[in-house]
Amino acid sequence: MASDRDLGPRNADSTQSQGFQRMKRTESSISSESVLSQRSSGSGSGHGVGVTVPKETLAPFIGERRTKQSTPPKKEPKKKAMTEREMTDAAAGLRALRIGTISTEIEGWITSKSAETIGSALCQHAIEGGGGRSVAKICGVLRDSPSAFALYRGLLSSVSQYFECRDRLRADHFRMWISFLAFVADLYANVGGGKDEVSDQSLIFLVTFSGELVNFVFQVFDYLLRAPILETLKIEELESLISVLLSVGYDLERECPDQLSLLKDLIRDAFIDVSEPWARKMILLLLELGASGWKLPAEANEYYFQQTTN
């Protein structure tokens, strides 16, 4: 009996000891798993679940991304401008479609796209073909047209190119040079002057256009009335300058009086510096035109022009 009683407490103590050991092993296992989980989570994306991906798996994607980032953007080739023949063919093709619902819009688009080329061709015809006055009148009629801006841009571009070649024109193509002088004045008279008669829509554009055009008028005087050209002036050139002031002198006085004042000073200096008597007489007429309201009296015509060759 005594032995059984002694065995009972011993068995209980043994059972409790085994239970404590199991609990310690369980806690140790849970603790080690927690540490592993935290390490895996730290090496991952930091969103809770730790998944380790081999580097060799990511390498192709990383390399591809770097390759895409380092590739410079491709430069787009410049668009080729249409030639005059191509524009004509395109216009004919559009008209041949006969799309009645938008025929007006098609004509407007064709006119706008072709207007700059037409402006250049008109300038060439005026200077090389001798139709400057007619061309200038047509350009004046088209001031309110939808394509006026492009048309005048083509005109100005060609006028600028001819003026850049002024020395060559004067030496080798004198007739064209005289036509150029007349056309610049006629163009300004028909397009640049008389802004009160145009619509408000065209006014802002015409101010810009006439400003560029009037610069050519003054540059022509500056070129011819200064040395060394002053001493080699021909009578046709001075006649052209007189015609310019007769044609646009009033507009110049009203729209750009400061520039005209400088021009009068230039004419006065040329009158003093020129050595040829006939040239001095015609330059004097340039000065007197301003005092006579930009008109040439009948007696002045006889005095200045019929006696210049005597």
C-alpha atoms as a PDB file:
ATOM      1  CA  MET A   1       0.000   0.000   0.000  1.00  0.00           C
ATOM      2  CA  ALA A   2       2.773   2.356   0.879  1.00  0.00           C
ATOM      3  CA  SER A   3       4.566   1.620  -2.350  1.00  0.00           C
ATOM      4  CA  ASP A   4       1.486   2.421  -4.400  1.00  0.00           C
ATOM      5  CA  ARG A   5       1.087   5.731  -2.680  1.00  0.00           C
ATOM      6  CA  ASP A   6       4.698   6.557  -3.333  1.00  0.00           C
ATOM      7  CA  LEU A   7       4.365   5.661  -7.025  1.00  0.00           C
ATOM      8  CA  GLY A   8       1.365   7.995  -7.545  1.00  0.00           C
ATOM      9  CA  PRO A   9       3.202  11.252  -6.825  1.00  0.00           C
ATOM     10  CA  ARG A  10       6.200  10.094  -8.830  1.00  0.00           C
ATOM     11  CA  ASN A  11       4.061   9.339 -11.884  1.00  0.00           C
ATOM     12  CA  ALA A  12       2.370  12.718 -11.563  1.00  0.00           C
ATOM     13  CA  ASP A  13       5.702  14.488 -11.337  1.00  0.00           C
ATOM     14  CA  SER A  14       6.959  12.592 -14.399  1.00  0.00           C
ATOM     15  CA  THR A  15       3.852  13.467 -16.386  1.00  0.00           C
ATOM     16  CA  GLN A  16       4.141  17.148 -15.493  1.00  0.00           C
ATOM     17  CA  SER A  17       7.839  17.159 -16.426  1.00  0.00           C
ATOM     18  CA  GLN A  18       7.098  15.662 -19.822  1.00  0.00           C
ATOM     19  CA  GLY A  19       4.353  18.255 -20.400  1.00  0.00           C
ATOM     20  CA  PHE A  20       6.704  21.123 -19.606  1.00  0.00           C
ATOM     21  CA  GLN A  21       9.307  19.746 -22.004  1.00  0.00           C
ATOM     22  CA  ARG A  22       6.719  19.455 -24.784  1.00  0.00           C
ATOM     23  CA  MET A  23       5.599  23.044 -24.205  1.00  0.00           C
ATOM     24  CA  LYS A  24       9.190  24.296 -24.354  1.00  0.00           C
ATOM     25  CA  ARG A  25       9.801  22.440 -27.615  1.00  0.00           C
ATOM     26  CA  THR A  26       6.589  23.893 -29.076  1.00  0.00           C
ATOM     27  CA  GLU A  27       7.514  27.431 -28.008  1.00  0.00           C
ATOM     28  CA  SER A  28      11.007  26.980 -29.415  1.00  0.00           C
ATOM     29  CA  SER A  29       9.595  25.746 -32.712  1.00  0.00           C
ATOM     30  CA  ILE A  30       7.125  28.642 -32.965  1.00  0.00           C
ATOM     31  CA  SER A  31       9.873  31.137 -32.136  1.00  0.00           C
ATOM     32  CA  SER A  32      12.228  29.757 -34.796  1.00  0.00           C
ATOM     33  CA  GLU A  33       9.457  29.789 -37.417  1.00  0.00           C
ATOM     34  CA  SER A  34       8.656  33.388 -36.535  1.00  0.00           C
ATOM     35  CA  VAL A  35      12.295  34.408 -36.993  1.00  0.00           C
ATOM     36  CA  LEU A  36      12.464  32.682 -40.369  1.00  0.00           C
ATOM     37  CA  SER A  37       9.242  34.359 -41.446  1.00  0.00           C
ATOM     38  CA  GLN A  38      10.545  37.809 -40.497  1.00  0.00           C
ATOM     39  CA  ARG A  39      13.811  37.234 -42.365  1.00  0.00           C
ATOM     40  CA  SER A  40      11.952  36.096 -45.455  1.00  0.00           C
ATOM     41  CA  SER A  41       9.614  39.074 -45.188  1.00  0.00           C
ATOM     42  CA  GLY A  42      12.542  41.503 -44.906  1.00  0.00           C
ATOM     43  CA  SER A  43      14.186  40.142 -48.037  1.00  0.00           C
ATOM     44  CA  GLY A  44      10.919  40.368 -50.006  1.00  0.00           C
ATOM     45  CA  SER A  45       8.656  43.268 -50.906  1.00  0.00           C
ATOM     46  CA  GLY A  46       7.793  44.104 -47.323  1.00  0.00           C
ATOM     47  CA  HIS A  47       4.059  43.339 -47.727  1.00  0.00           C
ATOM     48  CA  GLY A  48       3.850  40.459 -45.233  1.00  0.00           C
ATOM     49  CA  VAL A  49       4.543  37.246 -47.145  1.00  0.00           C
ATOM     50  CA  GLY A  50       8.193  36.480 -47.735  1.00  0.00           C
ATOM     51  CA  VAL A  51       8.896  34.781 -51.054  1.00  0.00           C
ATOM     52  CA  THR A  52      12.446  34.405 -52.250  1.00  0.00           C
ATOM     53  CA  VAL A  53      12.877  34.543 -56.035  1.00  0.00           C
ATOM     54  CA  PRO A  54      16.142  33.317 -57.543  1.00  0.00           C
ATOM     55  CA  LYS A  55      18.311  36.014 -59.169  1.00  0.00           C
ATOM     56  CA  GLU A  56      18.709  33.986 -62.338  1.00  0.00           C
ATOM     57  CA  THR A  57      14.929  34.172 -62.809  1.00  0.00           C
ATOM     58  CA  LEU A  58      14.851  37.993 -62.561  1.00  0.00           C
ATOM     59  CA  ALA A  59      17.985  38.599 -64.647  1.00  0.00           C
ATOM     60  CA  PRO A  60      16.331  38.476 -68.109  1.00  0.00           C
ATOM     61  CA  PHE A  61      13.587  40.908 -67.062  1.00  0.00           C
ATOM     62  CA  ILE A  62      16.026  43.356 -65.470  1.00  0.00           C
ATOM     63  CA  GLY A  63      18.290  43.238 -68.537  1.00  0.00           C
ATOM     64  CA  GLU A  64      15.343  43.813 -70.861  1.00  0.00           C
ATOM     65  CA  ARG A  65      14.171  46.811 -68.822  1.00  0.00           C
ATOM     66  CA  ARG A  66      17.629  48.377 -68.869  1.00  0.00           C
ATOM     67  CA  THR A  67      17.893  47.807 -72.620  1.00  0.00           C
ATOM     68  CA  LYS A  68      14.581  49.561 -73.248  1.00  0.00           C
ATOM     69  CA  GLN A  69      15.507  52.539 -71.084  1.00  0.00           C
ATOM     70  CA  SER A  70      18.904  53.061 -72.703  1.00  0.00           C
ATOM     71  CA  THR A  71      17.604  53.016 -76.301  1.00  0.00           C
ATOM     72  CA  PRO A  72      17.471  56.631 -77.641  1.00  0.00           C
ATOM     73  CA  PRO A  73      14.245  57.752 -79.331  1.00  0.00           C
ATOM     74  CA  LYS A  74      14.173  57.508 -83.100  1.00  0.00           C
ATOM     75  CA  LYS A  75      14.257  60.763 -85.036  1.00  0.00           C
ATOM     76  CA  GLU A  76      11.366  61.204 -87.403  1.00  0.00           C
ATOM     77  CA  PRO A  77      12.440  61.977 -90.968  1.00  0.00           C
ATOM     78  CA  LYS A  78      11.672  65.476 -92.233  1.00  0.00           C
ATOM     79  CA  LYS A  79       8.617  65.724 -94.402  1.00  0.00           C
ATOM     80  CA  LYS A  80       9.340  66.415 -98.044  1.00  0.00           C
ATOM     81  CA  ALA A  81       7.735  69.577 -99.373  1.00  0.00           C
ATOM     82  CA  MET A  82       5.413  69.132-102.329  1.00  0.00           C
ATOM     83  CA  THR A  83       6.598  70.446-105.655  1.00  0.00           C
ATOM     84  CA  GLU A  84       4.453  72.745-107.761  1.00  0.00           C
ATOM     85  CA  ARG A  85       3.674  69.871-110.152  1.00  0.00           C
ATOM     86  CA  GLU A  86       2.641  67.602-107.276  1.00  0.00           C
ATOM     87  CA  MET A  87       0.357  70.279-105.849  1.00  0.00           C
ATOM     88  CA  THR A  88      -1.236  70.812-109.253  1.00  0.00           C
ATOM     89  CA  ASP A  89      -1.818  67.083-109.706  1.00  0.00           C
ATOM     90  CA  ALA A  90      -3.259  66.778-106.193  1.00  0.00           C
ATOM     91  CA  ALA A  91      -5.630  69.678-106.813  1.00  0.00           C
ATOM     92  CA  ALA A  92      -6.780  68.159-110.101  1.00  0.00           C
ATOM     93  CA  GLY A  93      -7.332  64.797-108.408  1.00  0.00           C
ATOM     94  CA  LEU A  94      -9.448  66.333-105.644  1.00  0.00           C
ATOM     95  CA  ARG A  95     -11.571  68.227-108.141  1.00  0.00           C
ATOM     96  CA  ALA A  96     -12.041  65.076-110.221  1.00  0.00           C
ATOM     97  CA  LEU A  97     -13.699  63.351-107.246  1.00  0.00           C
ATOM     98  CA  ARG A  98     -16.648  65.762-107.545  1.00  0.00           C
ATOM     99  CA  ILE A  99     -17.683  65.516-103.920  1.00  0.00           C
ATOM    100  CA  GLY A 100     -20.538  67.979-104.060  1.00  0.00           C
ATOM    101  CA  THR A 101     -21.186  68.176-100.332  1.00  0.00           C
ATOM    102  CA  ILE A 102     -17.769  69.683 -99.573  1.00  0.00           C
ATOM    103  CA  SER A 103     -16.775  71.147-102.935  1.00  0.00           C
ATOM    104  CA  THR A 104     -16.455  74.641-101.435  1.00  0.00           C
ATOM    105  CA  GLU A 105     -14.224  73.374 -98.628  1.00  0.00           C
ATOM    106  CA  ILE A 106     -12.028  71.464-101.086  1.00  0.00           C
ATOM    107  CA  GLU A 107     -11.552  74.542-103.247  1.00  0.00           C
ATOM    108  CA  GLY A 108     -10.668  76.595-100.181  1.00  0.00           C
ATOM    109  CA  TRP A 109      -8.109  74.037 -99.030  1.00  0.00           C
ATOM    110  CA  ILE A 110      -6.531  73.791-102.487  1.00  0.00           C
ATOM    111  CA  THR A 111      -6.341  77.555-102.782  1.00  0.00           C
ATOM    112  CA  SER A 112      -4.724  77.934 -99.373  1.00  0.00           C
ATOM    113  CA  LYS A 113      -2.112  75.251 -99.982  1.00  0.00           C
ATOM    114  CA  SER A 114      -1.251  76.502-103.454  1.00  0.00           C
ATOM    115  CA  ALA A 115      -1.375  80.217-102.757  1.00  0.00           C
ATOM    116  CA  GLU A 116       2.237  80.614-101.621  1.00  0.00           C
ATOM    117  CA  THR A 117       3.527  78.915-104.761  1.00  0.00           C
ATOM    118  CA  ILE A 118       1.208  81.064-106.853  1.00  0.00           C
ATOM    119  CA  GLY A 119       2.526  84.187-105.110  1.00  0.00           C
ATOM    120  CA  SER A 120       6.101  83.291-106.022  1.00  0.00           C
ATOM    121  CA  ALA A 121       5.109  82.575-109.620  1.00  0.00           C
ATOM    122  CA  LEU A 122       3.261  85.900-109.879  1.00  0.00           C
ATOM    123  CA  CYS A 123       6.322  87.771-108.634  1.00  0.00           C
ATOM    124  CA  GLN A 124       8.521  86.027-111.184  1.00  0.00           C
ATOM    125  CA  HIS A 125       6.082  86.851-113.974  1.00  0.00           C
ATOM    126  CA  ALA A 126       5.916  90.488-112.881  1.00  0.00           C
ATOM    127  CA  ILE A 127       9.682  90.941-112.902  1.00  0.00           C
ATOM    128  CA  GLU A 128      10.805  88.648-115.697  1.00  0.00           C
ATOM    129  CA  GLY A 129       7.684  88.738-117.845  1.00  0.00           C
ATOM    130  CA  GLY A 130       7.003  92.455-117.657  1.00  0.00           C
ATOM    131  CA  GLY A 131       3.488  92.236-116.216  1.00  0.00           C
ATOM    132  CA  GLY A 132       4.175  93.914-112.896  1.00  0.00           C
ATOM    133  CA  ARG A 133       1.343  96.442-112.881  1.00  0.00           C
ATOM    134  CA  SER A 134      -1.297  93.839-113.777  1.00  0.00           C
ATOM    135  CA  VAL A 135       0.022  91.417-111.154  1.00  0.00           C
ATOM    136  CA  ALA A 136      -0.018  94.147-108.498  1.00  0.00           C
ATOM    137  CA  LYS A 137      -3.652  94.970-109.289  1.00  0.00           C
ATOM    138  CA  ILE A 138      -4.651  91.302-109.025  1.00  0.00           C
ATOM    139  CA  CYS A 139      -2.880  91.022-105.670  1.00  0.00           C
ATOM    140  CA  GLY A 140      -4.798  94.077-104.479  1.00  0.00           C
ATOM    141  CA  VAL A 141      -8.112  92.485-105.463  1.00  0.00           C
ATOM    142  CA  LEU A 142      -7.215  89.365-103.444  1.00  0.00           C
ATOM    143  CA  ARG A 143      -6.613  91.240-100.181  1.00  0.00           C
ATOM    144  CA  ASP A 144      -9.764  89.826 -98.558  1.00  0.00           C
ATOM    145  CA  SER A 145      -9.481  86.303 -99.961  1.00  0.00           C
ATOM    146  CA  PRO A 146      -9.020  83.379 -97.499  1.00  0.00           C
ATOM    147  CA  SER A 147      -5.641  82.573 -99.038  1.00  0.00           C
ATOM    148  CA  ALA A 148      -4.292  86.147 -99.011  1.00  0.00           C
ATOM    149  CA  PHE A 149      -1.819  85.436 -96.206  1.00  0.00           C
ATOM    150  CA  ALA A 150      -0.156  82.545 -98.044  1.00  0.00           C
ATOM    151  CA  LEU A 151      -0.248  84.415-101.363  1.00  0.00           C
ATOM    152  CA  TYR A 152       1.489  87.487 -99.944  1.00  0.00           C
ATOM    153  CA  ARG A 153       3.992  85.341 -98.090  1.00  0.00           C
ATOM    154  CA  GLY A 154       5.028  83.845-101.418  1.00  0.00           C
ATOM    155  CA  LEU A 155       5.246  87.325-102.941  1.00  0.00           C
ATOM    156  CA  LEU A 156       7.430  88.679-100.138  1.00  0.00           C
ATOM    157  CA  SER A 157       9.716  85.667-100.243  1.00  0.00           C
ATOM    158  CA  SER A 158      10.352  86.147-103.960  1.00  0.00           C
ATOM    159  CA  VAL A 159      10.768  89.922-103.663  1.00  0.00           C
ATOM    160  CA  SER A 160      13.381  89.320-100.968  1.00  0.00           C
ATOM    161  CA  GLN A 161      15.258  86.844-103.168  1.00  0.00           C
ATOM    162  CA  TYR A 162      15.337  89.265-106.103  1.00  0.00           C
ATOM    163  CA  PHE A 163      16.572  92.090-103.887  1.00  0.00           C
ATOM    164  CA  GLU A 164      19.368  89.919-102.522  1.00  0.00           C
ATOM    165  CA  CYS A 165      20.550  89.523-106.136  1.00  0.00           C
ATOM    166  CA  ARG A 166      20.319  93.275-106.857  1.00  0.00           C
ATOM    167  CA  ASP A 167      23.961  93.692-107.896  1.00  0.00           C
ATOM    168  CA  ARG A 168      23.720  90.861-110.397  1.00  0.00           C
ATOM    169  CA  LEU A 169      20.329  92.027-111.678  1.00  0.00           C
ATOM    170  CA  ARG A 170      21.595  95.564-112.174  1.00  0.00           C
ATOM    171  CA  ALA A 171      24.754  94.462-113.973  1.00  0.00           C
ATOM    172  CA  ASP A 172      23.499  91.564-116.099  1.00  0.00           C
ATOM    173  CA  HIS A 173      19.700  91.922-116.297  1.00  0.00           C
ATOM    174  CA  PHE A 174      19.035  95.641-116.243  1.00  0.00           C
ATOM    175  CA  ARG A 175      15.550  95.390-117.765  1.00  0.00           C
ATOM    176  CA  MET A 176      14.518  92.971-115.011  1.00  0.00           C
ATOM    177  CA  TRP A 177      16.051  95.303-112.424  1.00  0.00           C
ATOM    178  CA  ILE A 178      13.916  98.214-113.652  1.00  0.00           C
ATOM    179  CA  SER A 179      10.868  95.924-113.626  1.00  0.00           C
ATOM    180  CA  PHE A 180      11.685  95.004-110.031  1.00  0.00           C
ATOM    181  CA  LEU A 181      11.812  98.674-108.978  1.00  0.00           C
ATOM    182  CA  ALA A 182       8.447  99.342-110.592  1.00  0.00           C
ATOM    183  CA  PHE A 183       6.817  96.198-109.208  1.00  0.00           C
ATOM    184  CA  VAL A 184       7.774  96.936-105.600  1.00  0.00           C
ATOM    185  CA  ALA A 185       6.127 100.354-105.858  1.00  0.00           C
ATOM    186  CA  ASP A 186       3.046  99.037-107.681  1.00  0.00           C
ATOM    187  CA  LEU A 187       2.625  96.216-105.179  1.00  0.00           C
ATOM    188  CA  TYR A 188       2.762  98.598-102.233  1.00  0.00           C
ATOM    189  CA  ALA A 189       0.349 100.993-103.950  1.00  0.00           C
ATOM    190  CA  ASN A 190      -2.232  98.242-104.524  1.00  0.00           C
ATOM    191  CA  VAL A 191      -1.785  96.164-101.377  1.00  0.00           C
ATOM    192  CA  GLY A 192       0.082  98.139 -98.727  1.00  0.00           C
ATOM    193  CA  GLY A 193      -1.629 101.506 -99.011  1.00  0.00           C
ATOM    194  CA  GLY A 194      -5.284 102.391 -98.541  1.00  0.00           C
ATOM    195  CA  LYS A 195      -5.909 100.265 -95.442  1.00  0.00           C
ATOM    196  CA  ASP A 196      -9.110 102.180 -94.668  1.00  0.00           C
ATOM    197  CA  GLU A 197     -10.831 100.355 -97.521  1.00  0.00           C
ATOM    198  CA  VAL A 198     -10.237  96.794 -96.295  1.00  0.00           C
ATOM    199  CA  SER A 199     -12.200  94.649 -93.867  1.00  0.00           C
ATOM    200  CA  ASP A 200     -11.252  94.410 -90.203  1.00  0.00           C
ATOM    201  CA  GLN A 201     -10.307  90.760 -90.716  1.00  0.00           C
ATOM    202  CA  SER A 202      -7.556  91.712 -93.160  1.00  0.00           C
ATOM    203  CA  LEU A 203      -6.353  94.853 -91.384  1.00  0.00           C
ATOM    204  CA  ILE A 204      -3.950  93.229 -88.903  1.00  0.00           C
ATOM    205  CA  PHE A 205      -2.379  91.098 -91.585  1.00  0.00           C
ATOM    206  CA  LEU A 206      -2.027  94.014 -94.012  1.00  0.00           C
ATOM    207  CA  VAL A 207      -0.265  96.110 -91.382  1.00  0.00           C
ATOM    208  CA  THR A 208       2.376  93.403 -91.066  1.00  0.00           C
ATOM    209  CA  PHE A 209       2.633  92.795 -94.800  1.00  0.00           C
ATOM    210  CA  SER A 210       2.784  96.464 -95.759  1.00  0.00           C
ATOM    211  CA  GLY A 211       5.423  97.041 -93.079  1.00  0.00           C
ATOM    212  CA  GLU A 212       7.685  94.447 -94.672  1.00  0.00           C
ATOM    213  CA  LEU A 213       6.906  95.676 -98.172  1.00  0.00           C
ATOM    214  CA  VAL A 214       7.570  99.332 -97.387  1.00  0.00           C
ATOM    215  CA  ASN A 215      10.984  98.343 -96.049  1.00  0.00           C
ATOM    216  CA  PHE A 216      11.885  97.178 -99.551  1.00  0.00           C
ATOM    217  CA  VAL A 217      10.793 100.561-100.930  1.00  0.00           C
ATOM    218  CA  PHE A 218      13.143 102.415 -98.586  1.00  0.00           C
ATOM    219  CA  GLN A 219      15.947  99.891 -99.108  1.00  0.00           C
ATOM    220  CA  VAL A 220      15.800 100.504-102.864  1.00  0.00           C
ATOM    221  CA  PHE A 221      16.359 104.246-102.321  1.00  0.00           C
ATOM    222  CA  ASP A 222      19.127 103.553 -99.818  1.00  0.00           C
ATOM    223  CA  TYR A 223      20.856 101.235-102.286  1.00  0.00           C
ATOM    224  CA  LEU A 224      20.729 103.584-105.283  1.00  0.00           C
ATOM    225  CA  LEU A 225      21.402 106.937-103.609  1.00  0.00           C
ATOM    226  CA  ARG A 226      24.567 105.954-101.754  1.00  0.00           C
ATOM    227  CA  ALA A 227      28.116 105.428-102.986  1.00  0.00           C
ATOM    228  CA  PRO A 228      29.321 103.611-104.964  1.00  0.00           C
ATOM    229  CA  ILE A 229      26.029 103.109-106.865  1.00  0.00           C
ATOM    230  CA  LEU A 230      25.252 106.841-106.787  1.00  0.00           C
ATOM    231  CA  GLU A 231      28.020 107.650-109.285  1.00  0.00           C
ATOM    232  CA  THR A 232      26.912 104.957-111.724  1.00  0.00           C
ATOM    233  CA  LEU A 233      23.182 105.750-111.742  1.00  0.00           C
ATOM    234  CA  LYS A 234      21.346 105.461-115.033  1.00  0.00           C
ATOM    235  CA  ILE A 235      18.513 107.700-116.074  1.00  0.00           C
ATOM    236  CA  GLU A 236      16.037 104.776-116.034  1.00  0.00           C
ATOM    237  CA  GLU A 237      16.794 104.174-112.363  1.00  0.00           C
ATOM    238  CA  LEU A 238      16.169 107.781-111.362  1.00  0.00           C
ATOM    239  CA  GLU A 239      12.978 107.796-113.428  1.00  0.00           C
ATOM    240  CA  SER A 240      11.893 104.724-111.492  1.00  0.00           C
ATOM    241  CA  LEU A 241      12.564 106.449-108.161  1.00  0.00           C
ATOM    242  CA  ILE A 242      10.526 109.450-109.276  1.00  0.00           C
ATOM    243  CA  SER A 243       7.686 107.126-110.302  1.00  0.00           C
ATOM    244  CA  VAL A 244       7.836 105.447-106.891  1.00  0.00           C
ATOM    245  CA  LEU A 245       7.316 108.718-105.028  1.00  0.00           C
ATOM    246  CA  LEU A 246       4.602 109.825-107.451  1.00  0.00           C
ATOM    247  CA  SER A 247       2.822 106.520-106.842  1.00  0.00           C
ATOM    248  CA  VAL A 248       3.202 105.973-103.092  1.00  0.00           C
ATOM    249  CA  GLY A 249       4.642 109.218-101.703  1.00  0.00           C
ATOM    250  CA  TYR A 250       1.321 110.211-100.128  1.00  0.00           C
ATOM    251  CA  ASP A 251       0.905 106.795 -98.463  1.00  0.00           C
ATOM    252  CA  LEU A 252       4.479 106.882 -97.176  1.00  0.00           C
ATOM    253  CA  GLU A 253       3.953 110.322 -95.674  1.00  0.00           C
ATOM    254  CA  ARG A 254       0.765 109.228 -93.936  1.00  0.00           C
ATOM    255  CA  GLU A 255       1.826 105.788 -92.720  1.00  0.00           C
ATOM    256  CA  CYS A 256       5.561 106.088 -91.989  1.00  0.00           C
ATOM    257  CA  PRO A 257       6.503 109.772 -91.653  1.00  0.00           C
ATOM    258  CA  ASP A 258       9.669 109.072 -89.643  1.00  0.00           C
ATOM    259  CA  GLN A 259      11.134 106.827 -92.333  1.00  0.00           C
ATOM    260  CA  LEU A 260      10.130 109.318 -95.017  1.00  0.00           C
ATOM    261  CA  SER A 261      11.937 112.079 -93.116  1.00  0.00           C
ATOM    262  CA  LEU A 262      15.112 109.983 -93.160  1.00  0.00           C
ATOM    263  CA  LEU A 263      14.587 109.370 -96.872  1.00  0.00           C
ATOM    264  CA  LYS A 264      14.417 113.116 -97.527  1.00  0.00           C
ATOM    265  CA  ASP A 265      17.740 113.536 -95.716  1.00  0.00           C
ATOM    266  CA  LEU A 266      19.217 110.790 -97.884  1.00  0.00           C
ATOM    267  CA  ILE A 267      17.948 112.465-101.069  1.00  0.00           C
ATOM    268  CA  ARG A 268      19.407 115.803 -99.952  1.00  0.00           C
ATOM    269  CA  ASP A 269      22.813 114.215 -99.321  1.00  0.00           C
ATOM    270  CA  ALA A 270      22.691 112.494-102.715  1.00  0.00           C
ATOM    271  CA  PHE A 271      21.933 115.819-104.403  1.00  0.00           C
ATOM    272  CA  ILE A 272      25.091 117.266-102.843  1.00  0.00           C
ATOM    273  CA  ASP A 273      27.337 114.260-103.471  1.00  0.00           C
ATOM    274  CA  VAL A 274      26.452 113.302-107.047  1.00  0.00           C
ATOM    275  CA  SER A 275      28.731 114.696-109.737  1.00  0.00           C
ATOM    276  CA  GLU A 276      26.663 114.324-112.926  1.00  0.00           C
ATOM    277  CA  PRO A 277      24.586 117.484-113.655  1.00  0.00           C
ATOM    278  CA  TRP A 278      21.671 115.565-115.161  1.00  0.00           C
ATOM    279  CA  ALA A 279      21.559 113.244-112.142  1.00  0.00           C
ATOM    280  CA  ARG A 280      21.617 116.220-109.743  1.00  0.00           C
ATOM    281  CA  LYS A 281      18.692 117.767-111.609  1.00  0.00           C
ATOM    282  CA  MET A 282      16.581 114.600-111.295  1.00  0.00           C
ATOM    283  CA  ILE A 283      17.486 114.112-107.649  1.00  0.00           C
ATOM    284  CA  LEU A 284      16.361 117.701-107.035  1.00  0.00           C
ATOM    285  CA  LEU A 285      12.982 116.694-108.427  1.00  0.00           C
ATOM    286  CA  LEU A 286      12.784 113.965-105.779  1.00  0.00           C
ATOM    287  CA  LEU A 287      13.109 116.687-103.146  1.00  0.00           C
ATOM    288  CA  GLU A 288      10.524 118.953-104.771  1.00  0.00           C
ATOM    289  CA  LEU A 289       7.887 116.235-105.079  1.00  0.00           C
ATOM    290  CA  GLY A 290       7.271 116.325-101.344  1.00  0.00           C
ATOM    291  CA  ALA A 291       6.611 120.068-101.429  1.00  0.00           C
ATOM    292  CA  SER A 292       4.203 119.735-104.369  1.00  0.00           C
ATOM    293  CA  GLY A 293       1.963 117.124-102.731  1.00  0.00           C
ATOM    294  CA  TRP A 294       3.608 114.230-104.569  1.00  0.00           C
ATOM    295  CA  LYS A 295       2.416 115.516-107.923  1.00  0.00           C
ATOM    296  CA  LEU A 296       4.453 116.500-110.953  1.00  0.00           C
ATOM    297  CA  PRO A 297       3.374 119.796-112.562  1.00  0.00           C
ATOM    298  CA  ALA A 298       3.304 119.953-116.361  1.00  0.00           C
ATOM    299  CA  GLU A 299       6.112 122.529-116.531  1.00  0.00           C
ATOM    300  CA  ALA A 300       8.298 120.353-114.314  1.00  0.00           C
ATOM    301  CA  ASN A 301       7.886 117.447-116.708  1.00  0.00           C
ATOM    302  CA  GLU A 302       9.239 119.560-119.559  1.00  0.00           C
ATOM    303  CA  TYR A 303      12.084 121.008-117.512  1.00  0.00           C
ATOM    304  CA  TYR A 304      13.338 117.819-115.895  1.00  0.00           C
ATOM    305  CA  PHE A 305      12.827 115.188-118.560  1.00  0.00           C
ATOM    306  CA  GLN A 306      13.209 116.889-121.917  1.00  0.00           C
ATOM    307  CA  GLN A 307      16.446 118.607-120.935  1.00  0.00           C
ATOM    308  CA  THR A 308      18.172 115.805-119.056  1.00  0.00           C
ATOM    309  CA  THR A 309      20.097 114.636-122.108  1.00  0.00           C
ATOM    310  CA  ASN A 310      21.131 118.132-123.245  1.00  0.00           C
END
